[in-house]
Amino acid sequence: MPERQQFAAAFKSDAGLDYPVLTDIDNGYALSLNLAIWVGSELEGLMGSAGRDLPEYQGNDAWFLPIPATFVLAADGTITARFTDPDYRKRMTVEDLFTALRLAQKYGGIGPQA
């Protein structure tokens, strides 16, 4: 997530997560993968008027947002499945995710036996 550490920590705490939440300051990694978009001045104005101040959360004035993406990796680091869509409402289906996890386990040795 592109938010500064204090917001990432709050997200982790609020969600009750027991795994690390990684931060991508300035969306540098997302931009390197072409997985970030510039919000644009019109949307910037709408978001700002709604109280969503990206510079406060992200610590810069860039107004970039990451594109939601799901990557499933085998234990050897091989990507066995991926899903990206700029429309944040569209996500990988649960069925496809389970299929990808089974494939990752088969080819990468994830799971209890690893």
PDB file of N, CA and C in Angstrom:
ATOM      1  N   MET A   1       0.835  -1.176   0.000  1.00  0.00           N
ATOM      2  CA  MET A   1       0.000   0.000   0.000  1.00  0.00           C
ATOM      3  C   MET A   1       0.879   1.238   0.000  1.00  0.00           C
ATOM      4  N   PRO A   2       0.433   2.334  -0.631  1.00  0.00           N
ATOM      5  CA  PRO A   2       1.291   3.505  -0.767  1.00  0.00           C
ATOM      6  C   PRO A   2       1.268   4.451   0.438  1.00  0.00           C
ATOM      7  N   GLU A   3       0.472   4.149   1.418  1.00  0.00           N
ATOM      8  CA  GLU A   3       0.363   5.042   2.571  1.00  0.00           C
ATOM      9  C   GLU A   3       1.611   5.010   3.437  1.00  0.00           C
ATOM     10  N   ARG A   4       1.821   6.126   4.131  1.00  0.00           N
ATOM     11  CA  ARG A   4       2.949   6.208   5.059  1.00  0.00           C
ATOM     12  C   ARG A   4       2.767   5.180   6.169  1.00  0.00           C
ATOM     13  N   GLN A   5       3.855   4.893   6.865  1.00  0.00           N
ATOM     14  CA  GLN A   5       3.887   3.815   7.860  1.00  0.00           C
ATOM     15  C   GLN A   5       2.790   3.937   8.917  1.00  0.00           C
ATOM     16  N   GLN A   6       2.535   5.140   9.397  1.00  0.00           N
ATOM     17  CA  GLN A   6       1.521   5.282  10.447  1.00  0.00           C
ATOM     18  C   GLN A   6       0.149   4.832   9.967  1.00  0.00           C
ATOM     19  N   PHE A   7      -0.182   5.083   8.700  1.00  0.00           N
ATOM     20  CA  PHE A   7      -1.478   4.666   8.162  1.00  0.00           C
ATOM     21  C   PHE A   7      -1.494   3.176   7.846  1.00  0.00           C
ATOM     22  N   ALA A   8      -0.359   2.646   7.392  1.00  0.00           N
ATOM     23  CA  ALA A   8      -0.266   1.210   7.157  1.00  0.00           C
ATOM     24  C   ALA A   8      -0.395   0.442   8.468  1.00  0.00           C
ATOM     25  N   ALA A   9       0.230   0.956   9.518  1.00  0.00           N
ATOM     26  CA  ALA A   9       0.131   0.309  10.837  1.00  0.00           C
ATOM     27  C   ALA A   9      -1.296   0.360  11.364  1.00  0.00           C
ATOM     28  N   ALA A  10      -1.966   1.484  11.160  1.00  0.00           N
ATOM     29  CA  ALA A  10      -3.368   1.599  11.601  1.00  0.00           C
ATOM     30  C   ALA A  10      -4.251   0.633  10.822  1.00  0.00           C
ATOM     31  N   PHE A  11      -4.011   0.500   9.521  1.00  0.00           N
ATOM     32  CA  PHE A  11      -4.768  -0.439   8.690  1.00  0.00           C
ATOM     33  C   PHE A  11      -4.590  -1.860   9.202  1.00  0.00           C
ATOM     34  N   LYS A  12      -3.337  -2.228   9.466  1.00  0.00           N
ATOM     35  CA  LYS A  12      -3.034  -3.573   9.961  1.00  0.00           C
ATOM     36  C   LYS A  12      -3.728  -3.832  11.292  1.00  0.00           C
ATOM     37  N   SER A  13      -3.666  -2.866  12.179  1.00  0.00           N
ATOM     38  CA  SER A  13      -4.287  -3.000  13.496  1.00  0.00           C
ATOM     39  C   SER A  13      -5.805  -3.085  13.387  1.00  0.00           C
ATOM     40  N   ASP A  14      -6.393  -2.182  12.618  1.00  0.00           N
ATOM     41  CA  ASP A  14      -7.857  -2.152  12.464  1.00  0.00           C
ATOM     42  C   ASP A  14      -8.392  -3.440  11.846  1.00  0.00           C
ATOM     43  N   ALA A  15      -7.618  -4.024  10.914  1.00  0.00           N
ATOM     44  CA  ALA A  15      -8.049  -5.244  10.239  1.00  0.00           C
ATOM     45  C   ALA A  15      -7.696  -6.499  11.035  1.00  0.00           C
ATOM     46  N   GLY A  16      -6.895  -6.346  12.115  1.00  0.00           N
ATOM     47  CA  GLY A  16      -6.505  -7.492  12.925  1.00  0.00           C
ATOM     48  C   GLY A  16      -5.610  -8.463  12.176  1.00  0.00           C
ATOM     49  N   LEU A  17      -4.731  -7.953  11.332  1.00  0.00           N
ATOM     50  CA  LEU A  17      -3.877  -8.808  10.519  1.00  0.00           C
ATOM     51  C   LEU A  17      -2.679  -9.296  11.322  1.00  0.00           C
ATOM     52  N   ASP A  18      -2.275 -10.538  11.066  1.00  0.00           N
ATOM     53  CA  ASP A  18      -1.112 -11.078  11.755  1.00  0.00           C
ATOM     54  C   ASP A  18       0.061 -11.306  10.791  1.00  0.00           C
ATOM     55  N   TYR A  19       0.006 -10.667   9.631  1.00  0.00           N
ATOM     56  CA  TYR A  19       1.093 -10.757   8.672  1.00  0.00           C
ATOM     57  C   TYR A  19       1.563  -9.344   8.318  1.00  0.00           C
ATOM     58  N   PRO A  20       2.758  -9.217   7.769  1.00  0.00           N
ATOM     59  CA  PRO A  20       3.291  -7.881   7.473  1.00  0.00           C
ATOM     60  C   PRO A  20       2.463  -7.158   6.410  1.00  0.00           C
ATOM     61  N   VAL A  21       2.309  -5.868   6.559  1.00  0.00           N
ATOM     62  CA  VAL A  21       1.699  -5.016   5.547  1.00  0.00           C
ATOM     63  C   VAL A  21       2.839  -4.168   4.983  1.00  0.00           C
ATOM     64  N   LEU A  22       3.107  -4.345   3.711  1.00  0.00           N
ATOM     65  CA  LEU A  22       4.219  -3.657   3.077  1.00  0.00           C
ATOM     66  C   LEU A  22       3.777  -2.301   2.539  1.00  0.00           C
ATOM     67  N   THR A  23       4.691  -1.347   2.567  1.00  0.00           N
ATOM     68  CA  THR A  23       4.389  -0.031   2.034  1.00  0.00           C
ATOM     69  C   THR A  23       5.243   0.226   0.795  1.00  0.00           C
ATOM     70  N   ASP A  24       4.666   0.951  -0.130  1.00  0.00           N
ATOM     71  CA  ASP A  24       5.325   1.310  -1.383  1.00  0.00           C
ATOM     72  C   ASP A  24       5.312   2.832  -1.477  1.00  0.00           C
ATOM     73  N   ILE A  25       6.223   3.448  -0.745  1.00  0.00           N
ATOM     74  CA  ILE A  25       6.275   4.900  -0.682  1.00  0.00           C
ATOM     75  C   ILE A  25       6.467   5.466  -2.088  1.00  0.00           C
ATOM     76  N   ASP A  26       5.703   6.478  -2.408  1.00  0.00           N
ATOM     77  CA  ASP A  26       5.702   7.148  -3.716  1.00  0.00           C
ATOM     78  C   ASP A  26       5.243   6.228  -4.845  1.00  0.00           C
ATOM     79  N   ASN A  27       4.649   5.084  -4.520  1.00  0.00           N
ATOM     80  CA  ASN A  27       4.187   4.127  -5.530  1.00  0.00           C
ATOM     81  C   ASN A  27       5.306   3.718  -6.482  1.00  0.00           C
ATOM     82  N   GLY A  28       6.541   3.776  -6.011  1.00  0.00           N
ATOM     83  CA  GLY A  28       7.685   3.473  -6.869  1.00  0.00           C
ATOM     84  C   GLY A  28       7.638   2.089  -7.474  1.00  0.00           C
ATOM     85  N   TYR A  29       7.348   1.075  -6.660  1.00  0.00           N
ATOM     86  CA  TYR A  29       7.299  -0.291  -7.184  1.00  0.00           C
ATOM     87  C   TYR A  29       6.102  -0.464  -8.109  1.00  0.00           C
ATOM     88  N   ALA A  30       4.944   0.053  -7.690  1.00  0.00           N
ATOM     89  CA  ALA A  30       3.743  -0.037  -8.533  1.00  0.00           C
ATOM     90  C   ALA A  30       3.977   0.643  -9.880  1.00  0.00           C
ATOM     91  N   LEU A  31       4.606   1.798  -9.879  1.00  0.00           N
ATOM     92  CA  LEU A  31       4.892   2.495 -11.135  1.00  0.00           C
ATOM     93  C   LEU A  31       5.851   1.694 -12.007  1.00  0.00           C
ATOM     94  N   SER A  32       6.823   1.024 -11.392  1.00  0.00           N
ATOM     95  CA  SER A  32       7.778   0.230 -12.169  1.00  0.00           C
ATOM     96  C   SER A  32       7.100  -0.950 -12.857  1.00  0.00           C
ATOM     97  N   LEU A  33       5.963  -1.386 -12.332  1.00  0.00           N
ATOM     98  CA  LEU A  33       5.198  -2.495 -12.913  1.00  0.00           C
ATOM     99  C   LEU A  33       4.020  -2.013 -13.753  1.00  0.00           C
ATOM    100  N   ASN A  34       3.923  -0.695 -13.942  1.00  0.00           N
ATOM    101  CA  ASN A  34       2.765  -0.088 -14.628  1.00  0.00           C
ATOM    102  C   ASN A  34       1.462  -0.415 -13.907  1.00  0.00           C
ATOM    103  N   LEU A  35       1.511  -0.428 -12.578  1.00  0.00           N
ATOM    104  CA  LEU A  35       0.336  -0.720 -11.766  1.00  0.00           C
ATOM    105  C   LEU A  35      -0.048   0.471 -10.891  1.00  0.00           C
ATOM    106  N   ALA A  36       0.118   1.672 -11.428  1.00  0.00           N
ATOM    107  CA  ALA A  36      -0.316   2.877 -10.719  1.00  0.00           C
ATOM    108  C   ALA A  36      -0.835   3.863 -11.757  1.00  0.00           C
ATOM    109  N   ILE A  37      -1.797   4.655 -11.346  1.00  0.00           N
ATOM    110  CA  ILE A  37      -2.372   5.645 -12.249  1.00  0.00           C
ATOM    111  C   ILE A  37      -2.357   7.015 -11.589  1.00  0.00           C
ATOM    112  N   TRP A  38      -2.190   8.036 -12.403  1.00  0.00           N
ATOM    113  CA  TRP A  38      -2.276   9.407 -11.938  1.00  0.00           C
ATOM    114  C   TRP A  38      -3.746   9.744 -11.834  1.00  0.00           C
ATOM    115  N   VAL A  39      -4.155  10.302 -10.728  1.00  0.00           N
ATOM    116  CA  VAL A  39      -5.561  10.583 -10.461  1.00  0.00           C
ATOM    117  C   VAL A  39      -6.105  11.660 -11.397  1.00  0.00           C
ATOM    118  N   GLY A  40      -5.319  12.668 -11.691  1.00  0.00           N
ATOM    119  CA  GLY A  40      -5.789  13.752 -12.549  1.00  0.00           C
ATOM    120  C   GLY A  40      -6.434  14.856 -11.725  1.00  0.00           C
ATOM    121  N   SER A  41      -6.439  16.062 -12.265  1.00  0.00           N
ATOM    122  CA  SER A  41      -6.887  17.224 -11.495  1.00  0.00           C
ATOM    123  C   SER A  41      -8.376  17.185 -11.158  1.00  0.00           C
ATOM    124  N   GLU A  42      -9.209  16.666 -12.063  1.00  0.00           N
ATOM    125  CA  GLU A  42     -10.648  16.611 -11.775  1.00  0.00           C
ATOM    126  C   GLU A  42     -10.940  15.672 -10.607  1.00  0.00           C
ATOM    127  N   LEU A  43     -10.389  14.475 -10.651  1.00  0.00           N
ATOM    128  CA  LEU A  43     -10.601  13.514  -9.566  1.00  0.00           C
ATOM    129  C   LEU A  43      -9.904  13.970  -8.288  1.00  0.00           C
ATOM    130  N   GLU A  44      -8.754  14.631  -8.437  1.00  0.00           N
ATOM    131  CA  GLU A  44      -8.066  15.192  -7.277  1.00  0.00           C
ATOM    132  C   GLU A  44      -8.983  16.158  -6.537  1.00  0.00           C
ATOM    133  N   GLY A  45      -9.675  17.024  -7.295  1.00  0.00           N
ATOM    134  CA  GLY A  45     -10.606  17.967  -6.682  1.00  0.00           C
ATOM    135  C   GLY A  45     -11.771  17.274  -5.996  1.00  0.00           C
ATOM    136  N   LEU A  46     -12.318  16.245  -6.640  1.00  0.00           N
ATOM    137  CA  LEU A  46     -13.425  15.493  -6.043  1.00  0.00           C
ATOM    138  C   LEU A  46     -12.998  14.787  -4.767  1.00  0.00           C
ATOM    139  N   MET A  47     -11.833  14.158  -4.828  1.00  0.00           N
ATOM    140  CA  MET A  47     -11.351  13.439  -3.650  1.00  0.00           C
ATOM    141  C   MET A  47     -11.037  14.412  -2.518  1.00  0.00           C
ATOM    142  N   GLY A  48     -10.414  15.531  -2.866  1.00  0.00           N
ATOM    143  CA  GLY A  48     -10.086  16.527  -1.855  1.00  0.00           C
ATOM    144  C   GLY A  48     -11.316  17.094  -1.186  1.00  0.00           C
ATOM    145  N   SER A  49     -12.363  17.350  -1.984  1.00  0.00           N
ATOM    146  CA  SER A  49     -13.588  17.905  -1.402  1.00  0.00           C
ATOM    147  C   SER A  49     -14.324  16.886  -0.536  1.00  0.00           C
ATOM    148  N   ALA A  50     -14.042  15.603  -0.767  1.00  0.00           N
ATOM    149  CA  ALA A  50     -14.651  14.546   0.040  1.00  0.00           C
ATOM    150  C   ALA A  50     -13.796  14.208   1.262  1.00  0.00           C
ATOM    151  N   GLY A  51     -12.697  14.958   1.454  1.00  0.00           N
ATOM    152  CA  GLY A  51     -11.845  14.728   2.617  1.00  0.00           C
ATOM    153  C   GLY A  51     -10.801  13.658   2.432  1.00  0.00           C
ATOM    154  N   ARG A  52     -10.613  13.182   1.229  1.00  0.00           N
ATOM    155  CA  ARG A  52      -9.607  12.148   0.941  1.00  0.00           C
ATOM    156  C   ARG A  52      -8.347  12.845   0.442  1.00  0.00           C
ATOM    157  N   ASP A  53      -7.446  13.142   1.354  1.00  0.00           N
ATOM    158  CA  ASP A  53      -6.258  13.919   1.071  1.00  0.00           C
ATOM    159  C   ASP A  53      -5.065  12.994   0.835  1.00  0.00           C
ATOM    160  N   LEU A  54      -4.844  12.594  -0.416  1.00  0.00           N
ATOM    161  CA  LEU A  54      -3.755  11.668  -0.718  1.00  0.00           C
ATOM    162  C   LEU A  54      -2.393  12.167  -0.251  1.00  0.00           C
ATOM    163  N   PRO A  55      -2.063  13.462  -0.419  1.00  0.00           N
ATOM    164  CA  PRO A  55      -0.764  13.907   0.085  1.00  0.00           C
ATOM    165  C   PRO A  55      -0.576  13.640   1.583  1.00  0.00           C
ATOM    166  N   GLU A  56      -1.631  13.756   2.354  1.00  0.00           N
ATOM    167  CA  GLU A  56      -1.521  13.471   3.799  1.00  0.00           C
ATOM    168  C   GLU A  56      -1.230  11.993   4.037  1.00  0.00           C
ATOM    169  N   TYR A  57      -1.948  11.124   3.323  1.00  0.00           N
ATOM    170  CA  TYR A  57      -1.773   9.686   3.521  1.00  0.00           C
ATOM    171  C   TYR A  57      -0.464   9.164   2.938  1.00  0.00           C
ATOM    172  N   GLN A  58      -0.108   9.685   1.747  1.00  0.00           N
ATOM    173  CA  GLN A  58       1.045   9.139   1.046  1.00  0.00           C
ATOM    174  C   GLN A  58       2.332   9.923   1.264  1.00  0.00           C
ATOM    175  N   GLY A  59       2.232  11.115   1.812  1.00  0.00           N
ATOM    176  CA  GLY A  59       3.432  11.881   2.120  1.00  0.00           C
ATOM    177  C   GLY A  59       4.081  12.545   0.919  1.00  0.00           C
ATOM    178  N   ASN A  60       3.330  12.717  -0.162  1.00  0.00           N
ATOM    179  CA  ASN A  60       3.848  13.422  -1.339  1.00  0.00           C
ATOM    180  C   ASN A  60       2.674  14.087  -2.063  1.00  0.00           C
ATOM    181  N   ASP A  61       2.978  14.894  -3.068  1.00  0.00           N
ATOM    182  CA  ASP A  61       1.932  15.604  -3.811  1.00  0.00           C
ATOM    183  C   ASP A  61       1.661  14.999  -5.178  1.00  0.00           C
ATOM    184  N   ALA A  62       1.998  13.740  -5.383  1.00  0.00           N
ATOM    185  CA  ALA A  62       1.933  13.140  -6.713  1.00  0.00           C
ATOM    186  C   ALA A  62       0.515  12.776  -7.167  1.00  0.00           C
ATOM    187  N   TRP A  63      -0.368  12.444  -6.270  1.00  0.00           N
ATOM    188  CA  TRP A  63      -1.733  12.030  -6.602  1.00  0.00           C
ATOM    189  C   TRP A  63      -1.756  10.822  -7.543  1.00  0.00           C
ATOM    190  N   PHE A  64      -1.032   9.781  -7.153  1.00  0.00           N
ATOM    191  CA  PHE A  64      -1.062   8.493  -7.838  1.00  0.00           C
ATOM    192  C   PHE A  64      -1.768   7.485  -6.943  1.00  0.00           C
ATOM    193  N   LEU A  65      -2.475   6.555  -7.560  1.00  0.00           N
ATOM    194  CA  LEU A  65      -3.088   5.445  -6.837  1.00  0.00           C
ATOM    195  C   LEU A  65      -2.652   4.134  -7.474  1.00  0.00           C
ATOM    196  N   PRO A  66      -2.407   3.118  -6.649  1.00  0.00           N
ATOM    197  CA  PRO A  66      -2.070   1.811  -7.223  1.00  0.00           C
ATOM    198  C   PRO A  66      -3.308   1.175  -7.846  1.00  0.00           C
ATOM    199  N   ILE A  67      -3.085   0.381  -8.868  1.00  0.00           N
ATOM    200  CA  ILE A  67      -4.154  -0.405  -9.480  1.00  0.00           C
ATOM    201  C   ILE A  67      -4.255  -1.699  -8.680  1.00  0.00           C
ATOM    202  N   PRO A  68      -5.454  -2.076  -8.242  1.00  0.00           N
ATOM    203  CA  PRO A  68      -5.578  -3.329  -7.491  1.00  0.00           C
ATOM    204  C   PRO A  68      -5.068  -4.511  -8.318  1.00  0.00           C
ATOM    205  N   ALA A  69      -4.288  -5.360  -7.688  1.00  0.00           N
ATOM    206  CA  ALA A  69      -3.720  -6.516  -8.376  1.00  0.00           C
ATOM    207  C   ALA A  69      -3.579  -7.666  -7.396  1.00  0.00           C
ATOM    208  N   THR A  70      -3.737  -8.861  -7.921  1.00  0.00           N
ATOM    209  CA  THR A  70      -3.528 -10.081  -7.143  1.00  0.00           C
ATOM    210  C   THR A  70      -2.481 -10.908  -7.869  1.00  0.00           C
ATOM    211  N   PHE A  71      -1.445 -11.316  -7.141  1.00  0.00           N
ATOM    212  CA  PHE A  71      -0.415 -12.201  -7.679  1.00  0.00           C
ATOM    213  C   PHE A  71      -0.329 -13.407  -6.764  1.00  0.00           C
ATOM    214  N   VAL A  72      -0.316 -14.594  -7.354  1.00  0.00           N
ATOM    215  CA  VAL A  72      -0.127 -15.824  -6.591  1.00  0.00           C
ATOM    216  C   VAL A  72       1.227 -16.386  -7.001  1.00  0.00           C
ATOM    217  N   LEU A  73       2.067 -16.612  -6.003  1.00  0.00           N
ATOM    218  CA  LEU A  73       3.420 -17.101  -6.259  1.00  0.00           C
ATOM    219  C   LEU A  73       3.618 -18.473  -5.651  1.00  0.00           C
ATOM    220  N   ALA A  74       4.354 -19.301  -6.362  1.00  0.00           N
ATOM    221  CA  ALA A  74       4.793 -20.578  -5.813  1.00  0.00           C
ATOM    222  C   ALA A  74       5.961 -20.293  -4.874  1.00  0.00           C
ATOM    223  N   ALA A  75       6.350 -21.277  -4.104  1.00  0.00           N
ATOM    224  CA  ALA A  75       7.428 -21.100  -3.125  1.00  0.00           C
ATOM    225  C   ALA A  75       8.749 -20.703  -3.781  1.00  0.00           C
ATOM    226  N   ASP A  76       8.940 -21.078  -5.043  1.00  0.00           N
ATOM    227  CA  ASP A  76      10.183 -20.724  -5.741  1.00  0.00           C
ATOM    228  C   ASP A  76      10.129 -19.324  -6.348  1.00  0.00           C
ATOM    229  N   GLY A  77       9.015 -18.608  -6.143  1.00  0.00           N
ATOM    230  CA  GLY A  77       8.886 -17.243  -6.644  1.00  0.00           C
ATOM    231  C   GLY A  77       8.215 -17.141  -8.003  1.00  0.00           C
ATOM    232  N   THR A  78       7.905 -18.266  -8.624  1.00  0.00           N
ATOM    233  CA  THR A  78       7.228 -18.256  -9.915  1.00  0.00           C
ATOM    234  C   THR A  78       5.792 -17.742  -9.741  1.00  0.00           C
ATOM    235  N   ILE A  79       5.406 -16.814 -10.574  1.00  0.00           N
ATOM    236  CA  ILE A  79       4.026 -16.318 -10.546  1.00  0.00           C
ATOM    237  C   ILE A  79       3.160 -17.344 -11.255  1.00  0.00           C
ATOM    238  N   THR A  80       2.211 -17.918 -10.522  1.00  0.00           N
ATOM    239  CA  THR A  80       1.337 -18.931 -11.106  1.00  0.00           C
ATOM    240  C   THR A  80       0.011 -18.343 -11.560  1.00  0.00           C
ATOM    241  N   ALA A  81      -0.318 -17.152 -11.100  1.00  0.00           N
ATOM    242  CA  ALA A  81      -1.542 -16.485 -11.547  1.00  0.00           C
ATOM    243  C   ALA A  81      -1.458 -15.010 -11.198  1.00  0.00           C
ATOM    244  N   ARG A  82      -2.155 -14.211 -12.001  1.00  0.00           N
ATOM    245  CA  ARG A  82      -2.232 -12.782 -11.708  1.00  0.00           C
ATOM    246  C   ARG A  82      -3.555 -12.247 -12.211  1.00  0.00           C
ATOM    247  N   PHE A  83      -4.004 -11.182 -11.571  1.00  0.00           N
ATOM    248  CA  PHE A  83      -5.229 -10.504 -11.985  1.00  0.00           C
ATOM    249  C   PHE A  83      -5.070  -9.027 -11.694  1.00  0.00           C
ATOM    250  N   THR A  84      -5.267  -8.201 -12.701  1.00  0.00           N
ATOM    251  CA  THR A  84      -5.238  -6.752 -12.518  1.00  0.00           C
ATOM    252  C   THR A  84      -6.406  -6.145 -13.271  1.00  0.00           C
ATOM    253  N   ASP A  85      -6.956  -5.096 -12.705  1.00  0.00           N
ATOM    254  CA  ASP A  85      -8.024  -4.345 -13.362  1.00  0.00           C
ATOM    255  C   ASP A  85      -8.060  -2.969 -12.730  1.00  0.00           C
ATOM    256  N   PRO A  86      -7.972  -1.914 -13.537  1.00  0.00           N
ATOM    257  CA  PRO A  86      -8.019  -0.561 -12.964  1.00  0.00           C
ATOM    258  C   PRO A  86      -9.320  -0.273 -12.218  1.00  0.00           C
ATOM    259  N   ASP A  87     -10.377  -1.023 -12.522  1.00  0.00           N
ATOM    260  CA  ASP A  87     -11.645  -0.863 -11.812  1.00  0.00           C
ATOM    261  C   ASP A  87     -11.542  -1.634 -10.496  1.00  0.00           C
ATOM    262  N   TYR A  88     -11.351  -0.904  -9.397  1.00  0.00           N
ATOM    263  CA  TYR A  88     -11.118  -1.528  -8.093  1.00  0.00           C
ATOM    264  C   TYR A  88     -12.266  -2.437  -7.652  1.00  0.00           C
ATOM    265  N   ARG A  89     -13.416  -2.331  -8.295  1.00  0.00           N
ATOM    266  CA  ARG A  89     -14.561  -3.172  -7.914  1.00  0.00           C
ATOM    267  C   ARG A  89     -14.459  -4.567  -8.498  1.00  0.00           C
ATOM    268  N   LYS A  90     -13.559  -4.757  -9.452  1.00  0.00           N
ATOM    269  CA  LYS A  90     -13.383  -6.065 -10.081  1.00  0.00           C
ATOM    270  C   LYS A  90     -12.154  -6.731  -9.484  1.00  0.00           C
ATOM    271  N   ARG A  91     -12.344  -7.908  -8.952  1.00  0.00           N
ATOM    272  CA  ARG A  91     -11.255  -8.654  -8.291  1.00  0.00           C
ATOM    273  C   ARG A  91     -11.235 -10.086  -8.803  1.00  0.00           C
ATOM    274  N   MET A  92     -10.139 -10.765  -8.549  1.00  0.00           N
ATOM    275  CA  MET A  92     -10.033 -12.177  -8.901  1.00  0.00           C
ATOM    276  C   MET A  92     -11.124 -12.944  -8.163  1.00  0.00           C
ATOM    277  N   THR A  93     -11.787 -13.852  -8.865  1.00  0.00           N
ATOM    278  CA  THR A  93     -12.837 -14.621  -8.208  1.00  0.00           C
ATOM    279  C   THR A  93     -12.222 -15.578  -7.198  1.00  0.00           C
ATOM    280  N   VAL A  94     -12.989 -15.941  -6.219  1.00  0.00           N
ATOM    281  CA  VAL A  94     -12.520 -16.881  -5.204  1.00  0.00           C
ATOM    282  C   VAL A  94     -12.160 -18.212  -5.853  1.00  0.00           C
ATOM    283  N   GLU A  95     -12.964 -18.647  -6.804  1.00  0.00           N
ATOM    284  CA  GLU A  95     -12.690 -19.908  -7.486  1.00  0.00           C
ATOM    285  C   GLU A  95     -11.347 -19.854  -8.206  1.00  0.00           C
ATOM    286  N   ASP A  96     -11.086 -18.749  -8.927  1.00  0.00           N
ATOM    287  CA  ASP A  96      -9.807 -18.611  -9.625  1.00  0.00           C
ATOM    288  C   ASP A  96      -8.639 -18.528  -8.644  1.00  0.00           C
ATOM    289  N   LEU A  97      -8.854 -17.878  -7.527  1.00  0.00           N
ATOM    290  CA  LEU A  97      -7.807 -17.781  -6.521  1.00  0.00           C
ATOM    291  C   LEU A  97      -7.474 -19.162  -5.954  1.00  0.00           C
ATOM    292  N   PHE A  98      -8.490 -19.960  -5.635  1.00  0.00           N
ATOM    293  CA  PHE A  98      -8.234 -21.313  -5.125  1.00  0.00           C
ATOM    294  C   PHE A  98      -7.527 -22.170  -6.164  1.00  0.00           C
ATOM    295  N   THR A  99      -7.928 -22.048  -7.428  1.00  0.00           N
ATOM    296  CA  THR A  99      -7.266 -22.790  -8.503  1.00  0.00           C
ATOM    297  C   THR A  99      -5.801 -22.394  -8.582  1.00  0.00           C
ATOM    298  N   ALA A 100      -5.524 -21.100  -8.502  1.00  0.00           N
ATOM    299  CA  ALA A 100      -4.147 -20.600  -8.557  1.00  0.00           C
ATOM    300  C   ALA A 100      -3.333 -21.094  -7.363  1.00  0.00           C
ATOM    301  N   LEU A 101      -3.938 -21.124  -6.196  1.00  0.00           N
ATOM    302  CA  LEU A 101      -3.231 -21.609  -5.008  1.00  0.00           C
ATOM    303  C   LEU A 101      -2.901 -23.097  -5.126  1.00  0.00           C
ATOM    304  N   ARG A 102      -3.844 -23.878  -5.670  1.00  0.00           N
ATOM    305  CA  ARG A 102      -3.573 -25.306  -5.879  1.00  0.00           C
ATOM    306  C   ARG A 102      -2.435 -25.497  -6.882  1.00  0.00           C
ATOM    307  N   LEU A 103      -2.442 -24.692  -7.945  1.00  0.00           N
ATOM    308  CA  LEU A 103      -1.372 -24.766  -8.938  1.00  0.00           C
ATOM    309  C   LEU A 103      -0.033 -24.373  -8.319  1.00  0.00           C
ATOM    310  N   ALA A 104      -0.040 -23.337  -7.530  1.00  0.00           N
ATOM    311  CA  ALA A 104       1.200 -22.899  -6.852  1.00  0.00           C
ATOM    312  C   ALA A 104       1.719 -23.999  -5.946  1.00  0.00           C
ATOM    313  N   GLN A 105       0.815 -24.666  -5.239  1.00  0.00           N
ATOM    314  CA  GLN A 105       1.231 -25.745  -4.346  1.00  0.00           C
ATOM    315  C   GLN A 105       1.804 -26.911  -5.150  1.00  0.00           C
ATOM    316  N   LYS A 106       1.186 -27.220  -6.262  1.00  0.00           N
ATOM    317  CA  LYS A 106       1.639 -28.332  -7.091  1.00  0.00           C
ATOM    318  C   LYS A 106       3.030 -28.084  -7.675  1.00  0.00           C
ATOM    319  N   TYR A 107       3.260 -26.852  -8.142  1.00  0.00           N
ATOM    320  CA  TYR A 107       4.520 -26.555  -8.822  1.00  0.00           C
ATOM    321  C   TYR A 107       5.572 -25.896  -7.944  1.00  0.00           C
ATOM    322  N   GLY A 108       5.160 -25.363  -6.815  1.00  0.00           N
ATOM    323  CA  GLY A 108       6.146 -24.646  -6.014  1.00  0.00           C
ATOM    324  C   GLY A 108       6.330 -25.175  -4.622  1.00  0.00           C
ATOM    325  N   GLY A 109       5.563 -26.168  -4.255  1.00  0.00           N
ATOM    326  CA  GLY A 109       5.754 -26.781  -2.948  1.00  0.00           C
ATOM    327  C   GLY A 109       5.288 -25.950  -1.771  1.00  0.00           C
ATOM    328  N   ILE A 110       4.241 -25.104  -1.963  1.00  0.00           N
ATOM    329  CA  ILE A 110       3.744 -24.370  -0.805  1.00  0.00           C
ATOM    330  C   ILE A 110       2.824 -25.270   0.003  1.00  0.00           C
ATOM    331  N   GLY A 111       2.585 -24.910   1.207  1.00  0.00           N
ATOM    332  CA  GLY A 111       1.666 -25.668   2.037  1.00  0.00           C
ATOM    333  C   GLY A 111       2.395 -26.379   3.146  1.00  0.00           C
ATOM    334  N   PRO A 112       1.721 -27.270   3.847  1.00  0.00           N
ATOM    335  CA  PRO A 112       2.273 -27.909   5.040  1.00  0.00           C
ATOM    336  C   PRO A 112       3.549 -28.704   4.778  1.00  0.00           C
ATOM    337  N   GLN A 113       3.697 -29.261   3.579  1.00  0.00           N
ATOM    338  CA  GLN A 113       4.862 -30.091   3.317  1.00  0.00           C
ATOM    339  C   GLN A 113       6.101 -29.255   2.997  1.00  0.00           C
ATOM    340  N   ALA A 114       5.962 -27.968   2.752  1.00  0.00           N
ATOM    341  CA  ALA A 114       7.106 -27.138   2.369  1.00  0.00           C
ATOM    342  C   ALA A 114       7.962 -26.778   3.554  1.00  0.00           C
TER     343      ALA A 114
END
